[in-house]
Amino acid sequence: MAITHATDQNFTSETEAGTVLVDFWATWCGPCKMIAPVLEELDSDMGDKVKIVKVDVDENQETAAKFGIMSIPTLLVLKEGEVVDKVVGYQPKEALEELLTKHV
């Protein structure tokens, strides 16, 4: 599976089924750039179990506000469209694998 970029318009349809890791990020955010290759690896390793969706907070402020995103990167784990977990800031691959394994 490939990483998807969601917008305010298609966020619900992109995240309503299965287990989804949502990365709230921005182009100017250093830690967001650091976590991008980690998410690529996770997508490669777990893409059949977890969908990864990125949301640019500058371009999709409605969705960011809906989830109360105050710091980036913020990663939400959604299951069938409902938030089941949340982490803020850069996370190593192992920590994200552990987080996701609890929800698949």
N, C-alpha and C. Protein backbone atom coordinates (compact mmCIF):
# COMPACT_ATOMS: atom_id res chain seq x y z
N MET A 1 0.85 -1.19 0.00
CA MET A 1 0.00 0.00 0.00
C MET A 1 0.89 1.24 0.00
N ALA A 2 0.43 2.29 -0.58
CA ALA A 2 1.20 3.53 -0.60
C ALA A 2 0.63 4.51 0.43
N ILE A 3 1.49 5.40 0.89
CA ILE A 3 1.04 6.44 1.81
C ILE A 3 0.12 7.39 1.05
N THR A 4 -1.01 7.72 1.67
CA THR A 4 -2.01 8.57 1.06
C THR A 4 -1.94 9.96 1.67
N HIS A 5 -2.24 10.97 0.87
CA HIS A 5 -2.34 12.35 1.38
C HIS A 5 -3.81 12.72 1.42
N ALA A 6 -4.29 13.00 2.62
CA ALA A 6 -5.71 13.34 2.80
C ALA A 6 -5.89 14.85 2.90
N THR A 7 -7.10 15.29 2.55
CA THR A 7 -7.47 16.70 2.63
C THR A 7 -8.69 16.83 3.54
N ASP A 8 -9.08 18.07 3.81
CA ASP A 8 -10.30 18.30 4.59
C ASP A 8 -11.49 17.61 3.90
N GLN A 9 -11.49 17.60 2.56
CA GLN A 9 -12.61 17.07 1.81
C GLN A 9 -12.69 15.54 1.85
N ASN A 10 -11.54 14.84 1.82
CA ASN A 10 -11.60 13.38 1.72
C ASN A 10 -11.10 12.65 2.97
N PHE A 11 -10.85 13.37 4.06
CA PHE A 11 -10.29 12.75 5.26
C PHE A 11 -11.14 11.57 5.76
N THR A 12 -12.43 11.77 5.88
CA THR A 12 -13.31 10.72 6.42
C THR A 12 -13.27 9.48 5.54
N SER A 13 -13.37 9.64 4.24
CA SER A 13 -13.38 8.47 3.36
C SER A 13 -12.03 7.75 3.37
N GLU A 14 -10.94 8.48 3.61
CA GLU A 14 -9.61 7.86 3.66
C GLU A 14 -9.34 7.13 4.97
N THR A 15 -10.09 7.45 6.02
CA THR A 15 -9.77 6.93 7.35
C THR A 15 -10.89 6.13 8.02
N GLU A 16 -11.98 5.88 7.32
CA GLU A 16 -13.14 5.27 7.99
C GLU A 16 -13.08 3.76 8.13
N ALA A 17 -12.16 3.09 7.42
CA ALA A 17 -12.13 1.62 7.47
C ALA A 17 -10.77 1.11 7.92
N GLY A 18 -10.79 0.09 8.77
CA GLY A 18 -9.56 -0.55 9.19
C GLY A 18 -8.74 0.29 10.16
N THR A 19 -7.46 -0.08 10.30
CA THR A 19 -6.54 0.64 11.17
C THR A 19 -5.75 1.63 10.33
N VAL A 20 -5.76 2.90 10.74
CA VAL A 20 -5.12 3.96 9.97
C VAL A 20 -4.21 4.77 10.89
N LEU A 21 -2.97 4.99 10.45
CA LEU A 21 -2.05 5.89 11.14
C LEU A 21 -2.08 7.21 10.40
N VAL A 22 -2.50 8.28 11.09
CA VAL A 22 -2.59 9.60 10.48
C VAL A 22 -1.43 10.45 10.99
N ASP A 23 -0.65 10.99 10.06
CA ASP A 23 0.48 11.86 10.36
C ASP A 23 0.09 13.29 10.05
N PHE A 24 -0.09 14.10 11.10
CA PHE A 24 -0.33 15.53 10.91
C PHE A 24 1.03 16.21 10.85
N TRP A 25 1.33 16.89 9.75
CA TRP A 25 2.66 17.41 9.48
C TRP A 25 2.59 18.74 8.73
N ALA A 26 3.77 19.34 8.47
CA ALA A 26 3.88 20.53 7.63
C ALA A 26 5.25 20.51 6.94
N THR A 27 5.34 21.17 5.81
CA THR A 27 6.58 21.15 5.02
C THR A 27 7.74 21.81 5.76
N TRP A 28 7.48 22.76 6.65
CA TRP A 28 8.52 23.50 7.35
C TRP A 28 8.97 22.84 8.65
N CYS A 29 8.39 21.70 9.00
CA CYS A 29 8.62 21.05 10.29
C CYS A 29 9.77 20.05 10.21
N GLY A 30 10.86 20.32 10.94
CA GLY A 30 12.02 19.45 10.95
C GLY A 30 11.74 18.03 11.41
N PRO A 31 11.13 17.85 12.59
CA PRO A 31 10.81 16.50 13.04
C PRO A 31 9.88 15.76 12.08
N CYS A 32 9.02 16.50 11.37
CA CYS A 32 8.13 15.87 10.38
C CYS A 32 8.95 15.27 9.24
N LYS A 33 9.99 16.00 8.84
CA LYS A 33 10.88 15.49 7.78
C LYS A 33 11.65 14.27 8.27
N MET A 34 12.02 14.26 9.55
CA MET A 34 12.75 13.12 10.12
C MET A 34 11.89 11.86 10.17
N ILE A 35 10.61 12.02 10.43
CA ILE A 35 9.74 10.85 10.60
C ILE A 35 9.25 10.30 9.25
N ALA A 36 9.34 11.09 8.19
CA ALA A 36 8.84 10.65 6.88
C ALA A 36 9.46 9.32 6.42
N PRO A 37 10.80 9.14 6.48
CA PRO A 37 11.34 7.84 6.05
C PRO A 37 10.94 6.69 6.98
N VAL A 38 10.70 6.98 8.24
CA VAL A 38 10.22 5.95 9.18
C VAL A 38 8.83 5.48 8.74
N LEU A 39 7.98 6.43 8.34
CA LEU A 39 6.64 6.07 7.89
C LEU A 39 6.69 5.27 6.59
N GLU A 40 7.63 5.62 5.71
CA GLU A 40 7.81 4.86 4.46
C GLU A 40 8.17 3.40 4.78
N GLU A 41 9.07 3.21 5.74
CA GLU A 41 9.46 1.85 6.15
C GLU A 41 8.28 1.10 6.75
N LEU A 42 7.53 1.79 7.61
CA LEU A 42 6.35 1.16 8.22
C LEU A 42 5.34 0.76 7.15
N ASP A 43 5.16 1.62 6.16
CA ASP A 43 4.22 1.32 5.09
C ASP A 43 4.68 0.08 4.33
N SER A 44 5.98 -0.02 4.13
CA SER A 44 6.55 -1.18 3.44
C SER A 44 6.36 -2.46 4.27
N ASP A 45 6.57 -2.34 5.58
CA ASP A 45 6.51 -3.50 6.48
C ASP A 45 5.08 -3.89 6.86
N MET A 46 4.21 -2.89 7.08
CA MET A 46 2.88 -3.17 7.64
C MET A 46 1.74 -2.73 6.73
N GLY A 47 2.04 -2.38 5.49
CA GLY A 47 1.04 -1.82 4.58
C GLY A 47 -0.18 -2.68 4.35
N ASP A 48 -0.05 -3.98 4.56
CA ASP A 48 -1.22 -4.85 4.40
C ASP A 48 -2.13 -4.82 5.62
N LYS A 49 -1.64 -4.31 6.75
CA LYS A 49 -2.42 -4.28 8.00
C LYS A 49 -2.84 -2.87 8.39
N VAL A 50 -2.02 -1.87 8.01
CA VAL A 50 -2.23 -0.49 8.45
C VAL A 50 -2.12 0.44 7.24
N LYS A 51 -3.08 1.34 7.13
CA LYS A 51 -3.02 2.37 6.10
C LYS A 51 -2.38 3.61 6.73
N ILE A 52 -1.47 4.25 6.01
CA ILE A 52 -0.84 5.48 6.51
C ILE A 52 -1.33 6.65 5.68
N VAL A 53 -1.81 7.67 6.39
CA VAL A 53 -2.37 8.86 5.76
C VAL A 53 -1.67 10.08 6.32
N LYS A 54 -1.23 10.99 5.43
CA LYS A 54 -0.59 12.22 5.85
C LYS A 54 -1.55 13.38 5.64
N VAL A 55 -1.57 14.31 6.61
CA VAL A 55 -2.41 15.50 6.52
C VAL A 55 -1.54 16.72 6.76
N ASP A 56 -1.39 17.56 5.74
CA ASP A 56 -0.64 18.81 5.85
C ASP A 56 -1.51 19.81 6.62
N VAL A 57 -1.06 20.19 7.82
CA VAL A 57 -1.89 21.04 8.69
C VAL A 57 -2.08 22.45 8.14
N ASP A 58 -1.13 22.93 7.32
CA ASP A 58 -1.26 24.27 6.74
C ASP A 58 -2.35 24.29 5.67
N GLU A 59 -2.49 23.21 4.93
CA GLU A 59 -3.46 23.15 3.84
C GLU A 59 -4.81 22.59 4.28
N ASN A 60 -4.85 21.94 5.44
CA ASN A 60 -6.07 21.27 5.90
C ASN A 60 -6.35 21.62 7.35
N GLN A 61 -6.55 22.90 7.60
CA GLN A 61 -6.71 23.40 8.96
C GLN A 61 -7.99 22.92 9.63
N GLU A 62 -9.01 22.65 8.85
CA GLU A 62 -10.29 22.17 9.41
C GLU A 62 -10.10 20.81 10.09
N THR A 63 -9.42 19.90 9.41
CA THR A 63 -9.19 18.57 9.98
C THR A 63 -8.27 18.65 11.19
N ALA A 64 -7.21 19.46 11.09
CA ALA A 64 -6.29 19.62 12.22
C ALA A 64 -7.03 20.18 13.43
N ALA A 65 -7.90 21.15 13.22
CA ALA A 65 -8.66 21.74 14.32
C ALA A 65 -9.64 20.72 14.92
N LYS A 66 -10.27 19.91 14.07
CA LYS A 66 -11.23 18.91 14.53
C LYS A 66 -10.59 17.96 15.54
N PHE A 67 -9.30 17.63 15.32
CA PHE A 67 -8.61 16.71 16.22
C PHE A 67 -7.75 17.42 17.26
N GLY A 68 -7.84 18.75 17.33
CA GLY A 68 -7.13 19.50 18.35
C GLY A 68 -5.61 19.41 18.23
N ILE A 69 -5.12 19.38 17.00
CA ILE A 69 -3.68 19.27 16.77
C ILE A 69 -3.00 20.59 17.14
N MET A 70 -2.12 20.53 18.15
CA MET A 70 -1.42 21.73 18.64
C MET A 70 0.06 21.69 18.31
N SER A 71 0.62 20.51 18.18
CA SER A 71 2.04 20.32 17.88
C SER A 71 2.16 19.31 16.75
N ILE A 72 3.23 19.47 15.96
CA ILE A 72 3.46 18.49 14.90
C ILE A 72 4.90 18.02 14.96
N PRO A 73 5.17 16.78 14.55
CA PRO A 73 4.18 15.84 14.07
C PRO A 73 3.33 15.27 15.21
N THR A 74 2.05 15.12 14.92
CA THR A 74 1.15 14.36 15.79
C THR A 74 0.67 13.17 14.99
N LEU A 75 0.76 12.00 15.59
CA LEU A 75 0.33 10.77 14.93
C LEU A 75 -0.87 10.22 15.68
N LEU A 76 -1.97 10.03 14.96
CA LEU A 76 -3.17 9.43 15.53
C LEU A 76 -3.36 8.04 14.95
N VAL A 77 -3.77 7.10 15.77
CA VAL A 77 -4.16 5.79 15.29
C VAL A 77 -5.69 5.76 15.32
N LEU A 78 -6.28 5.54 14.16
CA LEU A 78 -7.73 5.44 14.05
C LEU A 78 -8.10 4.00 13.71
N LYS A 79 -9.16 3.54 14.34
CA LYS A 79 -9.68 2.21 14.03
C LYS A 79 -11.15 2.39 13.67
N GLU A 80 -11.50 2.03 12.46
CA GLU A 80 -12.87 2.23 11.95
C GLU A 80 -13.30 3.68 12.14
N GLY A 81 -12.38 4.63 11.95
CA GLY A 81 -12.69 6.05 12.00
C GLY A 81 -12.62 6.70 13.37
N GLU A 82 -12.39 5.91 14.42
CA GLU A 82 -12.34 6.44 15.79
C GLU A 82 -10.90 6.46 16.30
N VAL A 83 -10.52 7.55 16.98
CA VAL A 83 -9.17 7.67 17.53
C VAL A 83 -9.00 6.67 18.68
N VAL A 84 -7.97 5.82 18.58
CA VAL A 84 -7.69 4.85 19.63
C VAL A 84 -6.33 5.07 20.29
N ASP A 85 -5.48 5.91 19.67
CA ASP A 85 -4.17 6.20 20.26
C ASP A 85 -3.60 7.47 19.63
N LYS A 86 -2.62 8.06 20.35
CA LYS A 86 -2.04 9.32 19.88
C LYS A 86 -0.62 9.45 20.42
N VAL A 87 0.30 9.90 19.57
CA VAL A 87 1.64 10.25 20.01
C VAL A 87 2.04 11.57 19.36
N VAL A 88 2.81 12.36 20.08
CA VAL A 88 3.25 13.66 19.58
C VAL A 88 4.77 13.67 19.51
N GLY A 89 5.30 14.19 18.41
CA GLY A 89 6.74 14.30 18.24
C GLY A 89 7.32 13.11 17.51
N TYR A 90 8.59 13.24 17.18
CA TYR A 90 9.29 12.18 16.46
C TYR A 90 9.28 10.89 17.27
N GLN A 91 9.04 9.78 16.60
CA GLN A 91 9.07 8.46 17.24
C GLN A 91 9.93 7.54 16.38
N PRO A 92 10.78 6.72 17.00
CA PRO A 92 11.55 5.75 16.22
C PRO A 92 10.62 4.66 15.68
N LYS A 93 11.08 3.98 14.66
CA LYS A 93 10.28 2.93 14.00
C LYS A 93 9.77 1.88 14.99
N GLU A 94 10.65 1.44 15.89
CA GLU A 94 10.27 0.40 16.84
C GLU A 94 9.09 0.83 17.70
N ALA A 95 9.10 2.08 18.15
CA ALA A 95 8.01 2.58 18.99
C ALA A 95 6.70 2.62 18.21
N LEU A 96 6.76 3.02 16.95
CA LEU A 96 5.55 3.08 16.13
C LEU A 96 5.04 1.67 15.80
N GLU A 97 5.95 0.74 15.56
CA GLU A 97 5.53 -0.65 15.32
C GLU A 97 4.80 -1.21 16.53
N GLU A 98 5.35 -0.93 17.70
CA GLU A 98 4.72 -1.40 18.95
C GLU A 98 3.34 -0.79 19.12
N LEU A 99 3.24 0.51 18.86
CA LEU A 99 1.97 1.23 18.96
C LEU A 99 0.93 0.62 18.01
N LEU A 100 1.34 0.40 16.77
CA LEU A 100 0.40 -0.11 15.77
C LEU A 100 0.02 -1.58 16.01
N THR A 101 0.96 -2.36 16.48
CA THR A 101 0.70 -3.78 16.71
C THR A 101 -0.43 -3.98 17.72
N LYS A 102 -0.57 -3.05 18.67
CA LYS A 102 -1.65 -3.13 19.66
C LYS A 102 -3.03 -3.01 19.01
N HIS A 103 -3.08 -2.40 17.81
CA HIS A 103 -4.38 -2.04 17.23
C HIS A 103 -4.72 -2.80 15.95
N VAL A 104 -3.86 -3.73 15.53
CA VAL A 104 -4.20 -4.49 14.30
C VAL A 104 -4.63 -5.90 14.64
